[in-house]
Each structure stands twice: as structure tokens, then as C-alpha cells.
PDB file of N, CA and C in Angstrom:
ATOM      1  N   MET A   1     -12.454  -6.263  15.837  1.00  0.00           N
ATOM      2  CA  MET A   1     -11.513  -6.960  14.727  1.00  0.00           C
ATOM      3  C   MET A   1     -10.933  -5.947  13.791  1.00  0.00           C
ATOM      4  N   SER A   2      -9.925  -5.984  13.536  1.00  0.00           N
ATOM      5  CA  SER A   2      -8.806  -4.855  12.435  1.00  0.00           C
ATOM      6  C   SER A   2      -9.672  -4.394  12.027  1.00  0.00           C
ATOM      7  N   TYR A   3      -8.836  -3.530  11.301  1.00  0.00           N
ATOM      8  CA  TYR A   3      -9.250  -2.310  10.274  1.00  0.00           C
ATOM      9  C   TYR A   3      -7.985  -2.347   9.010  1.00  0.00           C
ATOM     10  N   ILE A   4      -8.587  -2.504   7.881  1.00  0.00           N
ATOM     11  CA  ILE A   4      -7.332  -3.006   7.344  1.00  0.00           C
ATOM     12  C   ILE A   4      -7.331  -1.578   5.745  1.00  0.00           C
ATOM     13  N   ASP A   5      -5.998  -1.270   5.776  1.00  0.00           N
ATOM     14  CA  ASP A   5      -6.206   0.064   4.303  1.00  0.00           C
ATOM     15  C   ASP A   5      -5.351  -0.976   3.237  1.00  0.00           C
ATOM     16  N   GLY A   6      -6.016  -1.194   2.122  1.00  0.00           N
ATOM     17  CA  GLY A   6      -5.171  -1.868   1.219  1.00  0.00           C
ATOM     18  C   GLY A   6      -5.104  -0.801   0.070  1.00  0.00           C
ATOM     19  N   PHE A   7      -4.010  -0.854  -0.753  1.00  0.00           N
ATOM     20  CA  PHE A   7      -3.562  -0.036  -1.594  1.00  0.00           C
ATOM     21  C   PHE A   7      -2.968  -1.282  -2.938  1.00  0.00           C
ATOM     22  N   VAL A   8      -2.998  -0.427  -4.374  1.00  0.00           N
ATOM     23  CA  VAL A   8      -2.619  -1.456  -5.099  1.00  0.00           C
ATOM     24  C   VAL A   8      -1.927  -0.016  -5.749  1.00  0.00           C
ATOM     25  N   ILE A   9      -0.647  -0.884  -6.626  1.00  0.00           N
ATOM     26  CA  ILE A   9      -0.382   0.550  -7.347  1.00  0.00           C
ATOM     27  C   ILE A   9       0.798  -0.297  -8.526  1.00  0.00           C
ATOM     28  N   ALA A  10       1.104   0.588  -9.807  1.00  0.00           N
ATOM     29  CA  ALA A  10       2.340   0.243 -10.484  1.00  0.00           C
ATOM     30  C   ALA A  10       3.164   0.876 -10.115  1.00  0.00           C
ATOM     31  N   VAL A  11       4.433   0.024 -10.431  1.00  0.00           N
ATOM     32  CA  VAL A  11       5.675   0.607  -9.957  1.00  0.00           C
ATOM     33  C   VAL A  11       6.953  -0.014 -10.969  1.00  0.00           C
ATOM     34  N   PRO A  12       7.814   0.818 -11.742  1.00  0.00           N
ATOM     35  CA  PRO A  12       8.652   0.155 -12.723  1.00  0.00           C
ATOM     36  C   PRO A  12       9.479  -1.136 -12.067  1.00  0.00           C
ATOM     37  N   HIS A  13       9.477  -1.997 -13.243  1.00  0.00           N
ATOM     38  CA  HIS A  13      10.580  -3.128 -12.699  1.00  0.00           C
ATOM     39  C   HIS A  13      11.691  -2.069 -11.928  1.00  0.00           C
ATOM     40  N   ALA A  14      12.338  -1.128 -13.301  1.00  0.00           N
ATOM     41  CA  ALA A  14      13.913  -0.808 -13.045  1.00  0.00           C
ATOM     42  C   ALA A  14      13.522  -0.179 -11.660  1.00  0.00           C
ATOM     43  N   ASN A  15      12.482   0.394 -10.944  1.00  0.00           N
ATOM     44  CA  ASN A  15      12.214   1.212  -9.402  1.00  0.00           C
ATOM     45  C   ASN A  15      11.796  -0.122  -8.323  1.00  0.00           C
ATOM     46  N   ARG A  16      12.360  -1.190  -8.704  1.00  0.00           N
ATOM     47  CA  ARG A  16      11.765  -2.448  -7.668  1.00  0.00           C
ATOM     48  C   ARG A  16      12.816  -1.615  -6.004  1.00  0.00           C
ATOM     49  N   GLU A  17      13.927  -1.876  -6.218  1.00  0.00           N
ATOM     50  CA  GLU A  17      14.588  -1.409  -5.259  1.00  0.00           C
ATOM     51  C   GLU A  17      14.291   0.088  -4.342  1.00  0.00           C
ATOM     52  N   ARG A  18      14.357   1.139  -5.514  1.00  0.00           N
ATOM     53  CA  ARG A  18      14.114   2.092  -4.789  1.00  0.00           C
ATOM     54  C   ARG A  18      12.303   2.129  -4.064  1.00  0.00           C
ATOM     55  N   PHE A  19      11.835   1.108  -4.429  1.00  0.00           N
ATOM     56  CA  PHE A  19      10.254   1.186  -4.096  1.00  0.00           C
ATOM     57  C   PHE A  19      10.551   0.558  -2.406  1.00  0.00           C
ATOM     58  N   ILE A  20      10.975  -0.315  -2.478  1.00  0.00           N
ATOM     59  CA  ILE A  20      11.594  -1.321  -1.340  1.00  0.00           C
ATOM     60  C   ILE A  20      11.784  -0.471  -0.169  1.00  0.00           C
ATOM     61  N   GLU A  21      12.872   0.509  -0.502  1.00  0.00           N
ATOM     62  CA  GLU A  21      13.500   1.201   0.401  1.00  0.00           C
ATOM     63  C   GLU A  21      12.563   1.864   0.719  1.00  0.00           C
ATOM     64  N   HIS A  22      11.672   2.628  -0.292  1.00  0.00           N
ATOM     65  CA  HIS A  22      10.567   3.722   0.015  1.00  0.00           C
ATOM     66  C   HIS A  22       9.538   3.069   1.398  1.00  0.00           C
ATOM     67  N   ALA A  23       8.925   1.810   0.790  1.00  0.00           N
ATOM     68  CA  ALA A  23       8.115   1.370   1.722  1.00  0.00           C
ATOM     69  C   ALA A  23       8.561   0.965   3.035  1.00  0.00           C
ATOM     70  N   ARG A  24      10.079   0.703   3.294  1.00  0.00           N
ATOM     71  CA  ARG A  24      10.865   0.578   4.290  1.00  0.00           C
ATOM     72  C   ARG A  24      10.731   1.571   5.356  1.00  0.00           C
ATOM     73  N   THR A  25      10.746   2.919   5.178  1.00  0.00           N
ATOM     74  CA  THR A  25      10.924   4.015   5.714  1.00  0.00           C
ATOM     75  C   THR A  25       9.625   4.384   5.444  1.00  0.00           C
ATOM     76  N   PHE A  26       8.305   4.333   4.741  1.00  0.00           N
ATOM     77  CA  PHE A  26       7.433   5.084   5.041  1.00  0.00           C
ATOM     78  C   PHE A  26       6.194   3.709   6.118  1.00  0.00           C
ATOM     79  N   ASP A  27       6.351   2.337   6.257  1.00  0.00           N
ATOM     80  CA  ASP A  27       5.774   1.388   7.077  1.00  0.00           C
ATOM     81  C   ASP A  27       6.068   1.495   7.894  1.00  0.00           C
ATOM     82  N   ALA A  28       7.553   2.043   8.056  1.00  0.00           N
ATOM     83  CA  ALA A  28       7.728   2.057  10.019  1.00  0.00           C
ATOM     84  C   ALA A  28       7.230   3.577  10.294  1.00  0.00           C
ATOM     85  N   ILE A  29       6.747   4.397   9.808  1.00  0.00           N
ATOM     86  CA  ILE A  29       5.858   5.261  10.403  1.00  0.00           C
ATOM     87  C   ILE A  29       4.409   4.986  10.656  1.00  0.00           C
ATOM     88  N   PHE A  30       3.839   4.214   9.460  1.00  0.00           N
ATOM     89  CA  PHE A  30       2.419   3.606   9.869  1.00  0.00           C
ATOM     90  C   PHE A  30       2.485   2.767  11.226  1.00  0.00           C
ATOM     91  N   MET A  31       3.725   1.906  11.492  1.00  0.00           N
ATOM     92  CA  MET A  31       3.874   1.236  12.469  1.00  0.00           C
ATOM     93  C   MET A  31       3.991   2.475  13.861  1.00  0.00           C
ATOM     94  N   GLU A  32       4.436   3.513  14.068  1.00  0.00           N
ATOM     95  CA  GLU A  32       4.864   4.357  14.705  1.00  0.00           C
ATOM     96  C   GLU A  32       3.943   4.997  15.219  1.00  0.00           C
ATOM     97  N   TYR A  33       2.727   5.055  14.231  1.00  0.00           N
ATOM     98  CA  TYR A  33       1.352   5.548  14.417  1.00  0.00           C
ATOM     99  C   TYR A  33       0.477   4.514  14.730  1.00  0.00           C
ATOM    100  N   GLY A  34       0.369   3.430  15.145  1.00  0.00           N
ATOM    101  CA  GLY A  34      -0.483   2.504  15.500  1.00  0.00           C
ATOM    102  C   GLY A  34      -0.584   1.146  14.678  1.00  0.00           C
ATOM    103  N   ALA A  35      -0.032   0.922  13.262  1.00  0.00           N
ATOM    104  CA  ALA A  35      -0.239   0.016  13.127  1.00  0.00           C
ATOM    105  C   ALA A  35       0.247  -1.090  13.134  1.00  0.00           C
ATOM    106  N   THR A  36      -0.622  -2.393  13.167  1.00  0.00           N
ATOM    107  CA  THR A  36       0.246  -3.391  14.136  1.00  0.00           C
ATOM    108  C   THR A  36       0.735  -4.444  12.872  1.00  0.00           C
ATOM    109  N   ARG A  37       0.935  -4.080  11.610  1.00  0.00           N
ATOM    110  CA  ARG A  37       1.566  -4.825  10.211  1.00  0.00           C
ATOM    111  C   ARG A  37       1.090  -4.059   9.499  1.00  0.00           C
ATOM    112  N   VAL A  38       2.636  -4.338   8.237  1.00  0.00           N
ATOM    113  CA  VAL A  38       2.344  -3.903   7.112  1.00  0.00           C
ATOM    114  C   VAL A  38       3.167  -4.719   6.191  1.00  0.00           C
ATOM    115  N   VAL A  39       2.490  -5.348   5.135  1.00  0.00           N
ATOM    116  CA  VAL A  39       2.716  -6.060   3.794  1.00  0.00           C
ATOM    117  C   VAL A  39       2.957  -5.182   2.707  1.00  0.00           C
ATOM    118  N   GLU A  40       3.653  -5.826   1.850  1.00  0.00           N
ATOM    119  CA  GLU A  40       4.048  -5.271   0.347  1.00  0.00           C
ATOM    120  C   GLU A  40       4.361  -6.334  -0.047  1.00  0.00           C
ATOM    121  N   CYS A  41       3.965  -6.339  -1.222  1.00  0.00           N
ATOM    122  CA  CYS A  41       3.448  -7.649  -2.104  1.00  0.00           C
ATOM    123  C   CYS A  41       4.047  -7.328  -3.538  1.00  0.00           C
ATOM    124  N   TRP A  42       5.221  -8.211  -4.191  1.00  0.00           N
ATOM    125  CA  TRP A  42       5.620  -7.590  -5.277  1.00  0.00           C
ATOM    126  C   TRP A  42       4.592  -8.458  -6.007  1.00  0.00           C
ATOM    127  N   GLY A  43       3.895  -8.050  -7.617  1.00  0.00           N
ATOM    128  CA  GLY A  43       3.318  -8.905  -8.313  1.00  0.00           C
ATOM    129  C   GLY A  43       3.923  -9.970  -8.798  1.00  0.00           C
ATOM    130  N   ASP A  44       4.112 -11.158  -8.868  1.00  0.00           N
ATOM    131  CA  ASP A  44       4.223 -12.641  -9.768  1.00  0.00           C
ATOM    132  C   ASP A  44       3.266 -12.970 -10.038  1.00  0.00           C
ATOM    133  N   ASP A  45       2.173 -13.557  -9.876  1.00  0.00           N
ATOM    134  CA  ASP A  45       1.807 -14.213 -10.965  1.00  0.00           C
ATOM    135  C   ASP A  45      -0.064 -13.544 -10.787  1.00  0.00           C
ATOM    136  N   VAL A  46      -0.047 -12.270 -11.740  1.00  0.00           N
ATOM    137  CA  VAL A  46      -0.712 -11.307 -11.724  1.00  0.00           C
ATOM    138  C   VAL A  46      -1.600 -11.560 -13.327  1.00  0.00           C
ATOM    139  N   PRO A  47      -2.457 -11.957 -13.010  1.00  0.00           N
ATOM    140  CA  PRO A  47      -3.087 -12.668 -14.562  1.00  0.00           C
ATOM    141  C   PRO A  47      -3.947 -11.562 -15.197  1.00  0.00           C
ATOM    142  N   ASP A  48      -4.200 -11.491 -16.573  1.00  0.00           N
ATOM    143  CA  ASP A  48      -4.690 -10.548 -17.272  1.00  0.00           C
ATOM    144  C   ASP A  48      -6.106 -10.664 -17.075  1.00  0.00           C
ATOM    145  N   GLY A  49      -7.162 -10.169 -16.703  1.00  0.00           N
ATOM    146  CA  GLY A  49      -8.581 -10.934 -16.722  1.00  0.00           C
ATOM    147  C   GLY A  49      -9.284 -10.385 -17.701  1.00  0.00           C
ATOM    148  N   LYS A  50     -10.949 -11.081 -18.151  1.00  0.00           N
ATOM    149  CA  LYS A  50     -11.500 -10.943 -19.239  1.00  0.00           C
ATOM    150  C   LYS A  50     -12.108  -9.535 -19.238  1.00  0.00           C
ATOM    151  N   LEU A  51     -12.682  -9.070 -18.210  1.00  0.00           N
ATOM    152  CA  LEU A  51     -13.376  -8.198 -17.687  1.00  0.00           C
ATOM    153  C   LEU A  51     -12.443  -6.869 -17.273  1.00  0.00           C
ATOM    154  N   THR A  52     -12.104  -7.150 -15.938  1.00  0.00           N
ATOM    155  CA  THR A  52     -11.021  -6.291 -15.264  1.00  0.00           C
ATOM    156  C   THR A  52     -10.179  -7.119 -14.733  1.00  0.00           C
ATOM    157  N   ASP A  53      -9.186  -6.273 -13.891  1.00  0.00           N
ATOM    158  CA  ASP A  53      -7.851  -7.444 -13.308  1.00  0.00           C
ATOM    159  C   ASP A  53      -7.049  -6.123 -13.086  1.00  0.00           C
ATOM    160  N   PHE A  54      -6.290  -6.727 -11.670  1.00  0.00           N
ATOM    161  CA  PHE A  54      -5.094  -5.476 -11.496  1.00  0.00           C
ATOM    162  C   PHE A  54      -4.401  -4.481 -12.128  1.00  0.00           C
ATOM    163  N   ARG A  55      -3.615  -5.095 -13.101  1.00  0.00           N
ATOM    164  CA  ARG A  55      -2.763  -4.216 -13.877  1.00  0.00           C
ATOM    165  C   ARG A  55      -3.824  -3.054 -14.860  1.00  0.00           C
ATOM    166  N   ARG A  56      -5.060  -3.641 -15.237  1.00  0.00           N
ATOM    167  CA  ARG A  56      -5.988  -2.508 -15.906  1.00  0.00           C
ATOM    168  C   ARG A  56      -5.997  -1.254 -14.468  1.00  0.00           C
ATOM    169  N   ALA A  57      -6.458  -2.274 -13.550  1.00  0.00           N
ATOM    170  CA  ALA A  57      -6.860  -1.042 -12.770  1.00  0.00           C
ATOM    171  C   ALA A  57      -5.831   0.062 -11.735  1.00  0.00           C
ATOM    172  N   VAL A  58      -4.511  -0.527 -12.479  1.00  0.00           N
ATOM    173  CA  VAL A  58      -3.804   0.862 -12.224  1.00  0.00           C
ATOM    174  C   VAL A  58      -3.022   1.340 -13.314  1.00  0.00           C
ATOM    175  N   GLN A  59      -3.409   0.625 -14.574  1.00  0.00           N
ATOM    176  CA  GLN A  59      -2.820   1.516 -15.899  1.00  0.00           C
ATOM    177  C   GLN A  59      -1.357   1.043 -15.631  1.00  0.00           C
ATOM    178  N   ALA A  60      -1.145  -0.373 -15.288  1.00  0.00           N
ATOM    179  CA  ALA A  60       0.213  -0.772 -15.272  1.00  0.00           C
ATOM    180  C   ALA A  60       0.413  -0.977 -16.411  1.00  0.00           C
ATOM    181  N   GLN A  61       2.494  -0.308 -17.099  1.00  0.00           N
ATOM    182  CA  GLN A  61       2.834  -0.893 -18.463  1.00  0.00           C
ATOM    183  C   GLN A  61       2.976  -1.956 -18.750  1.00  0.00           C
ATOM    184  N   GLN A  62       3.817  -2.365 -19.801  1.00  0.00           N
ATOM    185  CA  GLN A  62       4.323  -3.400 -19.463  1.00  0.00           C
ATOM    186  C   GLN A  62       5.948  -3.812 -18.878  1.00  0.00           C
ATOM    187  N   ASP A  63       6.151  -2.053 -18.594  1.00  0.00           N
ATOM    188  CA  ASP A  63       7.734  -2.434 -17.695  1.00  0.00           C
ATOM    189  C   ASP A  63       7.168  -2.337 -16.280  1.00  0.00           C
ATOM    190  N   GLU A  64       6.243  -1.957 -15.586  1.00  0.00           N
ATOM    191  CA  GLU A  64       5.613  -1.912 -14.391  1.00  0.00           C
ATOM    192  C   GLU A  64       5.459  -3.604 -14.010  1.00  0.00           C
ATOM    193  N   ALA A  65       5.623  -3.544 -12.702  1.00  0.00           N
ATOM    194  CA  ALA A  65       4.804  -4.867 -11.545  1.00  0.00           C
ATOM    195  C   ALA A  65       3.865  -4.313 -11.049  1.00  0.00           C
ATOM    196  N   VAL A  66       3.245  -5.057 -10.655  1.00  0.00           N
ATOM    197  CA  VAL A  66       1.770  -4.555  -9.719  1.00  0.00           C
ATOM    198  C   VAL A  66       2.002  -4.861  -8.322  1.00  0.00           C
ATOM    199  N   VAL A  67       1.988  -3.571  -7.747  1.00  0.00           N
ATOM    200  CA  VAL A  67       2.051  -3.920  -5.862  1.00  0.00           C
ATOM    201  C   VAL A  67       0.789  -4.108  -5.219  1.00  0.00           C
ATOM    202  N   PHE A  68       0.759  -4.973  -4.381  1.00  0.00           N
ATOM    203  CA  PHE A  68      -0.420  -5.113  -3.759  1.00  0.00           C
ATOM    204  C   PHE A  68       0.053  -4.853  -2.223  1.00  0.00           C
ATOM    205  N   SER A  69      -0.831  -4.317  -1.532  1.00  0.00           N
ATOM    206  CA  SER A  69      -0.287  -3.660   0.188  1.00  0.00           C
ATOM    207  C   SER A  69      -1.144  -4.093   1.176  1.00  0.00           C
ATOM    208  N   TRP A  70      -1.031  -3.542   2.195  1.00  0.00           N
ATOM    209  CA  TRP A  70      -2.321  -3.696   2.910  1.00  0.00           C
ATOM    210  C   TRP A  70      -1.279  -2.904   4.081  1.00  0.00           C
ATOM    211  N   VAL A  71      -2.064  -2.350   5.142  1.00  0.00           N
ATOM    212  CA  VAL A  71      -1.488  -1.735   6.846  1.00  0.00           C
ATOM    213  C   VAL A  71      -2.675  -2.328   7.970  1.00  0.00           C
ATOM    214  N   GLU A  72      -2.505  -3.421   8.519  1.00  0.00           N
ATOM    215  CA  GLU A  72      -3.763  -3.513   9.535  1.00  0.00           C
ATOM    216  C   GLU A  72      -3.726  -2.667  10.412  1.00  0.00           C
ATOM    217  N   TRP A  73      -4.521  -2.314  11.113  1.00  0.00           N
ATOM    218  CA  TRP A  73      -4.378  -1.592  12.293  1.00  0.00           C
ATOM    219  C   TRP A  73      -5.614  -2.385  13.317  1.00  0.00           C
ATOM    220  N   PRO A  74      -5.296  -2.209  14.865  1.00  0.00           N
ATOM    221  CA  PRO A  74      -6.147  -2.519  15.878  1.00  0.00           C
ATOM    222  C   PRO A  74      -7.330  -2.387  15.286  1.00  0.00           C
ATOM    223  N   ASP A  75      -8.139  -1.126  15.410  1.00  0.00           N
ATOM    224  CA  ASP A  75      -9.376  -1.301  14.466  1.00  0.00           C
ATOM    225  C   ASP A  75      -9.445   0.243  14.330  1.00  0.00           C
ATOM    226  N   LYS A  76     -10.584   0.411  13.864  1.00  0.00           N
ATOM    227  CA  LYS A  76     -11.052   2.403  12.658  1.00  0.00           C
ATOM    228  C   LYS A  76     -10.309   3.421  13.173  1.00  0.00           C
ATOM    229  N   ALA A  77     -10.557   3.408  14.941  1.00  0.00           N
ATOM    230  CA  ALA A  77     -10.358   4.972  15.618  1.00  0.00           C
ATOM    231  C   ALA A  77      -9.088   4.910  15.444  1.00  0.00           C
ATOM    232  N   THR A  78      -8.314   3.751  15.932  1.00  0.00           N
ATOM    233  CA  THR A  78      -6.648   3.582  15.920  1.00  0.00           C
ATOM    234  C   THR A  78      -5.996   4.271  14.231  1.00  0.00           C
ATOM    235  N   ARG A  79      -6.521   3.608  13.676  1.00  0.00           N
ATOM    236  CA  ARG A  79      -6.561   3.925  11.535  1.00  0.00           C
ATOM    237  C   ARG A  79      -6.724   5.667  11.932  1.00  0.00           C
ATOM    238  N   ASP A  80      -7.730   5.491  11.880  1.00  0.00           N
ATOM    239  CA  ASP A  80      -7.966   7.354  11.760  1.00  0.00           C
ATOM    240  C   ASP A  80      -6.916   7.990  12.338  1.00  0.00           C
ATOM    241  N   ALA A  81      -6.882   8.115  13.731  1.00  0.00           N
ATOM    242  CA  ALA A  81      -5.583   8.744  14.392  1.00  0.00           C
ATOM    243  C   ALA A  81      -4.708   8.992  13.638  1.00  0.00           C
ATOM    244  N   GLY A  82      -3.789   7.223  13.634  1.00  0.00           N
ATOM    245  CA  GLY A  82      -2.945   7.287  12.928  1.00  0.00           C
ATOM    246  C   GLY A  82      -2.554   7.672  11.913  1.00  0.00           C
ATOM    247  N   MET A  83      -3.766   7.400  10.948  1.00  0.00           N
ATOM    248  CA  MET A  83      -3.449   8.502   9.442  1.00  0.00           C
ATOM    249  C   MET A  83      -3.584   9.637   9.739  1.00  0.00           C
ATOM    250  N   ALA A  84      -3.870  10.185  10.373  1.00  0.00           N
ATOM    251  CA  ALA A  84      -4.112  11.777  10.529  1.00  0.00           C
ATOM    252  C   ALA A  84      -3.091  12.239  10.708  1.00  0.00           C
ATOM    253  N   LYS A  85      -1.741  11.765  11.760  1.00  0.00           N
ATOM    254  CA  LYS A  85      -0.554  11.955  12.450  1.00  0.00           C
ATOM    255  C   LYS A  85       0.282  11.550  11.037  1.00  0.00           C
ATOM    256  N   PHE A  86      -0.148  10.250  10.294  1.00  0.00           N
ATOM    257  CA  PHE A  86       1.045   9.751   9.256  1.00  0.00           C
ATOM    258  C   PHE A  86       0.693  11.035   8.350  1.00  0.00           C
ATOM    259  N   MET A  87      -0.560  11.503   7.841  1.00  0.00           N
ATOM    260  CA  MET A  87      -0.029  12.672   6.765  1.00  0.00           C
ATOM    261  C   MET A  87       0.130  14.191   6.863  1.00  0.00           C
ATOM    262  N   LYS A  88       0.276  14.873   8.335  1.00  0.00           N
ATOM    263  CA  LYS A  88       1.008  15.478   8.718  1.00  0.00           C
ATOM    264  C   LYS A  88       2.492  15.456   9.361  1.00  0.00           C
ATOM    265  N   ASP A  89       2.865  13.972   9.499  1.00  0.00           N
ATOM    266  CA  ASP A  89       4.692  13.645   9.586  1.00  0.00           C
ATOM    267  C   ASP A  89       5.360  14.737   8.563  1.00  0.00           C
ATOM    268  N   PRO A  90       6.503  15.475   9.348  1.00  0.00           N
ATOM    269  CA  PRO A  90       7.077  16.136   8.355  1.00  0.00           C
ATOM    270  C   PRO A  90       8.294  15.330   7.503  1.00  0.00           C
ATOM    271  N   ARG A  91       8.537  13.678   8.012  1.00  0.00           N
ATOM    272  CA  ARG A  91       8.942  13.164   6.879  1.00  0.00           C
ATOM    273  C   ARG A  91       8.325  12.829   5.476  1.00  0.00           C
ATOM    274  N   MET A  92       6.994  13.004   5.752  1.00  0.00           N
ATOM    275  CA  MET A  92       6.105  12.740   4.132  1.00  0.00           C
ATOM    276  C   MET A  92       6.183  13.911   3.043  1.00  0.00           C
ATOM    277  N   GLU A  93       7.143  15.010   3.707  1.00  0.00           N
ATOM    278  CA  GLU A  93       7.685  15.475   2.759  1.00  0.00           C
ATOM    279  C   GLU A  93       8.611  14.845   1.418  1.00  0.00           C
ATOM    280  N   ALA A  94       9.287  13.316   2.219  1.00  0.00           N
ATOM    281  CA  ALA A  94      10.439  12.620   1.125  1.00  0.00           C
ATOM    282  C   ALA A  94       9.316  12.197   0.049  1.00  0.00           C
ATOM    283  N   ALA A  95       8.249  11.753   0.628  1.00  0.00           N
ATOM    284  CA  ALA A  95       6.959  10.827  -0.532  1.00  0.00           C
ATOM    285  C   ALA A  95       7.188  11.738  -1.624  1.00  0.00           C
ATOM    286  N   ALA A  96       7.342  13.116  -2.008  1.00  0.00           N
ATOM    287  CA  ALA A  96       7.426  13.257  -2.995  1.00  0.00           C
ATOM    288  C   ALA A  96       8.485  12.773  -4.442  1.00  0.00           C
ATOM    289  N   ASP A  97       9.139  12.631  -3.562  1.00  0.00           N
ATOM    290  CA  ASP A  97      10.089  11.578  -4.619  1.00  0.00           C
ATOM    291  C   ASP A  97      10.025  10.126  -4.626  1.00  0.00           C
ATOM    292  N   CYS A  98       8.477   9.588  -4.888  1.00  0.00           N
ATOM    293  CA  CYS A  98       8.198   8.525  -4.294  1.00  0.00           C
ATOM    294  C   CYS A  98       9.066   7.368  -5.978  1.00  0.00           C
ATOM    295  N   PRO A  99       8.890   6.342  -6.131  1.00  0.00           N
ATOM    296  CA  PRO A  99       9.124   5.488  -7.050  1.00  0.00           C
ATOM    297  C   PRO A  99       8.242   5.021  -7.947  1.00  0.00           C
ATOM    298  N   PHE A 100       6.899   5.387  -7.772  1.00  0.00           N
ATOM    299  CA  PHE A 100       5.912   5.299  -8.611  1.00  0.00           C
ATOM    300  C   PHE A 100       4.608   6.064  -8.780  1.00  0.00           C
ATOM    301  N   ASP A 101       4.038   5.988  -9.405  1.00  0.00           N
ATOM    302  CA  ASP A 101       2.977   7.362 -10.042  1.00  0.00           C
ATOM    303  C   ASP A 101       1.780   7.335  -8.847  1.00  0.00           C
ATOM    304  N   GLY A 102       1.956   8.200  -8.271  1.00  0.00           N
ATOM    305  CA  GLY A 102       1.343   8.110  -7.291  1.00  0.00           C
ATOM    306  C   GLY A 102      -0.492   7.976  -7.915  1.00  0.00           C
ATOM    307  N   LYS A 103      -0.693   9.049  -8.634  1.00  0.00           N
ATOM    308  CA  LYS A 103      -2.259   8.965  -9.461  1.00  0.00           C
ATOM    309  C   LYS A 103      -3.139   7.924  -9.851  1.00  0.00           C
ATOM    310  N   ARG A 104      -2.270   6.637  -9.963  1.00  0.00           N
ATOM    311  CA  ARG A 104      -3.001   5.308 -10.018  1.00  0.00           C
ATOM    312  C   ARG A 104      -2.931   4.831  -9.241  1.00  0.00           C
ATOM    313  N   MET A 105      -2.316   5.369  -7.951  1.00  0.00           N
ATOM    314  CA  MET A 105      -3.145   4.113  -7.268  1.00  0.00           C
ATOM    315  C   MET A 105      -4.474   4.238  -6.580  1.00  0.00           C
ATOM    316  N   ILE A 106      -4.545   3.052  -6.413  1.00  0.00           N
ATOM    317  CA  ILE A 106      -6.134   2.748  -5.875  1.00  0.00           C
ATOM    318  C   ILE A 106      -5.721   2.029  -4.527  1.00  0.00           C
ATOM    319  N   PHE A 107      -6.859   2.705  -3.715  1.00  0.00           N
ATOM    320  CA  PHE A 107      -6.682   2.864  -1.698  1.00  0.00           C
ATOM    321  C   PHE A 107      -8.029   2.437  -1.484  1.00  0.00           C
ATOM    322  N   GLY A 108      -8.240   2.000  -0.128  1.00  0.00           N
ATOM    323  CA  GLY A 108      -9.527   1.802   0.261  1.00  0.00           C
ATOM    324  C   GLY A 108      -8.941   1.306   2.028  1.00  0.00           C
ATOM    325  N   GLY A 109     -10.294   1.850   2.714  1.00  0.00           N
ATOM    326  CA  GLY A 109     -10.618   1.228   4.051  1.00  0.00           C
ATOM    327  C   GLY A 109     -11.159   0.307   4.568  1.00  0.00           C
ATOM    328  N   PHE A 110     -10.771  -1.059   4.908  1.00  0.00           N
ATOM    329  CA  PHE A 110     -11.970  -1.624   5.194  1.00  0.00           C
ATOM    330  C   PHE A 110     -12.465  -2.473   6.347  1.00  0.00           C
ATOM    331  N   LYS A 111     -13.439  -2.538   7.250  1.00  0.00           N
ATOM    332  CA  LYS A 111     -13.574  -3.264   7.996  1.00  0.00           C
ATOM    333  C   LYS A 111     -13.448  -5.177   7.589  1.00  0.00           C
ATOM    334  N   ALA A 112     -12.618  -5.922   8.494  1.00  0.00           N
ATOM    335  CA  ALA A 112     -12.518  -7.230   8.454  1.00  0.00           C
ATOM    336  C   ALA A 112     -14.333  -7.886   8.641  1.00  0.00           C
ATOM    337  N   VAL A 113     -14.082  -8.183   8.383  1.00  0.00           N
ATOM    338  CA  VAL A 113     -15.884  -9.449   8.618  1.00  0.00           C
ATOM    339  C   VAL A 113     -15.124 -10.821   8.605  1.00  0.00           C
ATOM    340  N   VAL A 114     -14.172 -11.490   8.368  1.00  0.00           N
ATOM    341  CA  VAL A 114     -13.915 -12.957   8.695  1.00  0.00           C
ATOM    342  C   VAL A 114     -12.530 -12.804   8.840  1.00  0.00           C
ATOM    343  N   SER A 115     -11.546 -13.512  10.281  1.00  0.00           N
ATOM    344  CA  SER A 115     -10.054 -13.230  10.492  1.00  0.00           C
ATOM    345  C   SER A 115      -9.962 -14.844  10.709  1.00  0.00           C
ATOM    346  N   LEU A 116      -9.036 -15.496   9.817  1.00  0.00           N
ATOM    347  CA  LEU A 116      -8.660 -16.393  10.917  1.00  0.00           C
ATOM    348  C   LEU A 116      -7.095 -17.135  10.889  1.00  0.00           C
ATOM    349  N   PRO A 117      -6.494 -16.881  12.178  1.00  0.00           N
ATOM    350  CA  PRO A 117      -5.624 -16.899  12.645  1.00  0.00           C
ATOM    351  C   PRO A 117      -4.351 -16.973  11.575  1.00  0.00           C
ATOM    352  N   ALA A 118      -3.569 -16.829  11.552  1.00  0.00           N
ATOM    353  CA  ALA A 118      -1.951 -17.527  10.885  1.00  0.00           C
ATOM    354  C   ALA A 118      -1.848 -18.441  10.914  1.00  0.00           C
TER     355      ALA A 118
END
């Protein structure tokens, strides 16, 4: 079953187009290194929770959208090898000029336990 890297970030609304361009650039590198799918989702209906929520998780400000993204890999071994190459790729130097505060990103790797066809 596939392996998923998930990400949640806060992106200023003013940086939406910069974010999309950034994502297209770096998502293509994930695909080059073995990812089978990358999805970037701009928050549309992200409610405030009573105890916790997406906005609080990334300390999103009023002028920021929550972005939920994932990278799908065939398996963890492919992900581990692909991420190692991704992090060493010289194109990553351009990531220093990203359109969001990477310090507030939350992320993790997940083993799929249920997967229904699209």
C-alpha cells in the first residue's frame, strides 16, 4: 500500500500565486524522485474548532490561508530514497525564497491503512 507525506502550512492570501508557482516547481521534483501523486489544497472551508483546528496548528493569521498537501509514494522505501535525493537536490536552494513561513509547517509520514479506489 502507498506511503503518504502530509503537510499543513499557512500561506498569506497575497502569496497565493507565488505559492502555486512554488508548488509546481517543487512538486515536479517529488515526481521526478518517485512520487506517484502530489496534491496541494488551498483552504476553502476551514472552521475554527473548540479545542484545536488547522488554523491553530500552523498559527495562521487572519490574512493567511491554510494549505493542506500530500505526496503519495508507492511505498516507504521509495519515499525514503526520493526524499533523500529531494533534500540534496541543488534546486532546493531556491526553496529559501518560499512564499510561507516554513517554521510553522506541520508534516509527517503516514502508512496507508485503508485505501478506496478513486
